[in-house]
Amino acid sequence: MARELSENVDWLFDIADEMDTEDGIIWVYGVNDEGVLAFTEFGIENLTHLIEMHREDPTILKRRNSQK
């Protein structure tokens, strides 16, 4: 089931970077070890929740990036 999130790809990638495999994020590798980020159904639910959190408080990413 495909789902469109209608968000900036870089912004989504930054948010997805907070997720671990137990959150439902996976990398799918093909020929020549080229990978693409993918989500389980559970992962999409978690990503949707993170998107809502970041919309409510856009400073989350800035705070996280400043701690790195």
N, C-alpha and C. Protein backbone atom coordinates (compact mmCIF):
# COMPACT_ATOMS: atom_id res chain seq x y z
N MET A 1 0.84 -1.18 0.00
CA MET A 1 0.00 0.00 0.00
C MET A 1 0.89 1.24 0.00
N ALA A 2 0.83 2.03 -1.03
CA ALA A 2 1.63 3.25 -1.13
C ALA A 2 0.90 4.38 -0.39
N ARG A 3 1.71 5.24 0.19
CA ARG A 3 1.14 6.35 0.93
C ARG A 3 1.97 7.59 0.63
N GLU A 4 1.34 8.67 0.24
CA GLU A 4 2.05 9.90 -0.06
C GLU A 4 1.98 10.81 1.15
N LEU A 5 3.14 11.34 1.54
CA LEU A 5 3.20 12.19 2.72
C LEU A 5 3.24 13.67 2.38
N SER A 6 3.49 14.03 1.12
CA SER A 6 3.49 15.42 0.66
C SER A 6 4.36 16.33 1.51
N GLU A 7 5.58 15.90 1.76
CA GLU A 7 6.53 16.69 2.54
C GLU A 7 7.86 16.76 1.79
N ASN A 8 8.72 17.69 2.19
CA ASN A 8 10.05 17.82 1.62
C ASN A 8 10.85 16.56 1.90
N VAL A 9 11.47 16.01 0.88
CA VAL A 9 12.19 14.75 1.02
C VAL A 9 13.35 14.86 2.01
N ASP A 10 14.10 15.94 1.94
CA ASP A 10 15.23 16.10 2.87
C ASP A 10 14.75 16.20 4.32
N TRP A 11 13.65 16.92 4.52
CA TRP A 11 13.07 17.05 5.86
C TRP A 11 12.62 15.69 6.37
N LEU A 12 11.96 14.91 5.51
CA LEU A 12 11.51 13.57 5.91
C LEU A 12 12.70 12.67 6.24
N PHE A 13 13.75 12.77 5.42
CA PHE A 13 14.93 11.95 5.68
C PHE A 13 15.55 12.31 7.02
N ASP A 14 15.61 13.59 7.35
CA ASP A 14 16.15 14.01 8.65
C ASP A 14 15.32 13.44 9.79
N ILE A 15 14.01 13.43 9.62
CA ILE A 15 13.13 12.88 10.66
C ILE A 15 13.29 11.36 10.74
N ALA A 16 13.32 10.70 9.59
CA ALA A 16 13.48 9.25 9.57
C ALA A 16 14.82 8.83 10.16
N ASP A 17 15.81 9.72 10.11
CA ASP A 17 17.13 9.42 10.66
C ASP A 17 17.06 9.20 12.17
N GLU A 18 16.00 9.66 12.81
CA GLU A 18 15.80 9.43 14.25
C GLU A 18 15.35 8.00 14.54
N MET A 19 14.90 7.30 13.52
CA MET A 19 14.31 5.98 13.70
C MET A 19 15.37 4.87 13.64
N ASP A 20 15.10 3.79 14.35
CA ASP A 20 15.93 2.59 14.32
C ASP A 20 15.14 1.46 13.68
N THR A 21 15.80 0.35 13.43
CA THR A 21 15.12 -0.77 12.78
C THR A 21 13.92 -1.25 13.59
N GLU A 22 14.01 -1.19 14.92
CA GLU A 22 12.86 -1.64 15.72
C GLU A 22 11.67 -0.68 15.61
N ASP A 23 11.92 0.51 15.02
CA ASP A 23 10.84 1.47 14.77
C ASP A 23 10.17 1.23 13.42
N GLY A 24 10.69 0.27 12.66
CA GLY A 24 10.06 -0.08 11.38
C GLY A 24 10.72 0.53 10.16
N ILE A 25 11.98 0.91 10.27
CA ILE A 25 12.72 1.46 9.13
C ILE A 25 13.71 0.40 8.65
N ILE A 26 13.82 0.25 7.35
CA ILE A 26 14.75 -0.73 6.80
C ILE A 26 15.43 -0.13 5.56
N TRP A 27 16.57 -0.67 5.23
CA TRP A 27 17.25 -0.34 3.98
C TRP A 27 17.12 -1.55 3.07
N VAL A 28 16.67 -1.34 1.85
CA VAL A 28 16.54 -2.41 0.87
C VAL A 28 17.68 -2.24 -0.12
N TYR A 29 18.48 -3.30 -0.28
CA TYR A 29 19.64 -3.23 -1.17
C TYR A 29 19.38 -4.04 -2.42
N GLY A 30 19.86 -3.50 -3.53
CA GLY A 30 19.73 -4.17 -4.81
C GLY A 30 21.09 -4.45 -5.40
N VAL A 31 21.15 -4.49 -6.69
CA VAL A 31 22.38 -4.74 -7.42
C VAL A 31 23.39 -3.64 -7.07
N ASN A 32 24.66 -4.03 -6.98
CA ASN A 32 25.75 -3.10 -6.68
C ASN A 32 25.60 -2.45 -5.30
N ASP A 33 24.90 -3.09 -4.40
CA ASP A 33 24.71 -2.59 -3.03
C ASP A 33 24.10 -1.20 -2.98
N GLU A 34 23.33 -0.83 -3.98
CA GLU A 34 22.60 0.44 -3.93
C GLU A 34 21.38 0.23 -3.04
N GLY A 35 21.21 1.12 -2.07
CA GLY A 35 20.14 0.95 -1.11
C GLY A 35 19.09 2.04 -1.20
N VAL A 36 17.92 1.71 -0.77
CA VAL A 36 16.83 2.66 -0.69
C VAL A 36 16.16 2.50 0.67
N LEU A 37 15.82 3.62 1.28
CA LEU A 37 15.16 3.62 2.57
C LEU A 37 13.71 3.16 2.39
N ALA A 38 13.26 2.27 3.27
CA ALA A 38 11.89 1.76 3.19
C ALA A 38 11.33 1.64 4.60
N PHE A 39 10.03 1.53 4.67
CA PHE A 39 9.35 1.45 5.97
C PHE A 39 8.37 0.29 5.98
N THR A 40 8.30 -0.37 7.11
CA THR A 40 7.24 -1.34 7.31
C THR A 40 5.96 -0.55 7.59
N GLU A 41 4.85 -1.23 7.66
CA GLU A 41 3.60 -0.54 8.00
C GLU A 41 3.72 0.13 9.37
N PHE A 42 4.35 -0.57 10.31
CA PHE A 42 4.59 -0.01 11.64
C PHE A 42 5.50 1.22 11.54
N GLY A 43 6.49 1.15 10.65
CA GLY A 43 7.40 2.27 10.44
C GLY A 43 6.71 3.50 9.90
N ILE A 44 5.75 3.31 9.01
CA ILE A 44 4.99 4.44 8.48
C ILE A 44 4.18 5.09 9.59
N GLU A 45 3.60 4.27 10.47
CA GLU A 45 2.86 4.82 11.61
C GLU A 45 3.80 5.65 12.49
N ASN A 46 4.99 5.12 12.76
CA ASN A 46 5.96 5.85 13.59
C ASN A 46 6.42 7.13 12.90
N LEU A 47 6.70 7.06 11.60
CA LEU A 47 7.12 8.24 10.87
C LEU A 47 6.02 9.30 10.88
N THR A 48 4.79 8.89 10.69
CA THR A 48 3.66 9.82 10.73
C THR A 48 3.58 10.51 12.08
N HIS A 49 3.79 9.75 13.15
CA HIS A 49 3.79 10.32 14.50
C HIS A 49 4.94 11.33 14.66
N LEU A 50 6.13 10.97 14.18
CA LEU A 50 7.27 11.89 14.27
C LEU A 50 7.02 13.16 13.46
N ILE A 51 6.39 13.03 12.29
CA ILE A 51 6.06 14.20 11.47
C ILE A 51 5.15 15.14 12.26
N GLU A 52 4.14 14.58 12.91
CA GLU A 52 3.23 15.40 13.71
C GLU A 52 3.98 16.11 14.84
N MET A 53 4.90 15.40 15.49
CA MET A 53 5.69 16.00 16.56
C MET A 53 6.53 17.16 16.03
N HIS A 54 7.15 16.96 14.88
CA HIS A 54 8.02 18.00 14.31
C HIS A 54 7.22 19.18 13.76
N ARG A 55 6.02 18.94 13.31
CA ARG A 55 5.16 20.05 12.89
C ARG A 55 4.76 20.90 14.09
N GLU A 56 4.47 20.24 15.21
CA GLU A 56 4.08 20.96 16.43
C GLU A 56 5.26 21.73 17.03
N ASP A 57 6.47 21.19 16.89
CA ASP A 57 7.66 21.84 17.43
C ASP A 57 8.79 21.74 16.41
N PRO A 58 8.86 22.68 15.47
CA PRO A 58 9.88 22.63 14.42
C PRO A 58 11.31 22.75 14.94
N THR A 59 11.50 23.12 16.19
CA THR A 59 12.86 23.27 16.72
C THR A 59 13.50 21.94 17.12
N ILE A 60 12.76 20.86 17.07
CA ILE A 60 13.31 19.56 17.49
C ILE A 60 14.55 19.20 16.69
N LEU A 61 14.49 19.32 15.36
CA LEU A 61 15.63 18.99 14.52
C LEU A 61 16.81 19.90 14.81
N LYS A 62 16.55 21.19 14.99
CA LYS A 62 17.64 22.13 15.28
C LYS A 62 18.33 21.77 16.59
N ARG A 63 17.55 21.42 17.61
CA ARG A 63 18.13 21.05 18.90
C ARG A 63 18.94 19.75 18.77
N ARG A 64 18.38 18.79 18.04
CA ARG A 64 19.07 17.51 17.87
C ARG A 64 20.37 17.70 17.10
N ASN A 65 20.34 18.51 16.03
CA ASN A 65 21.54 18.73 15.23
C ASN A 65 22.61 19.48 16.01
N SER A 66 22.22 20.35 16.93
CA SER A 66 23.20 21.10 17.71
C SER A 66 23.86 20.22 18.76
N GLN A 67 23.25 19.09 19.10
CA GLN A 67 23.81 18.18 20.10
C GLN A 67 24.80 17.20 19.49
N LYS A 68 24.84 17.11 18.16
CA LYS A 68 25.75 16.16 17.50
C LYS A 68 27.18 16.62 17.56
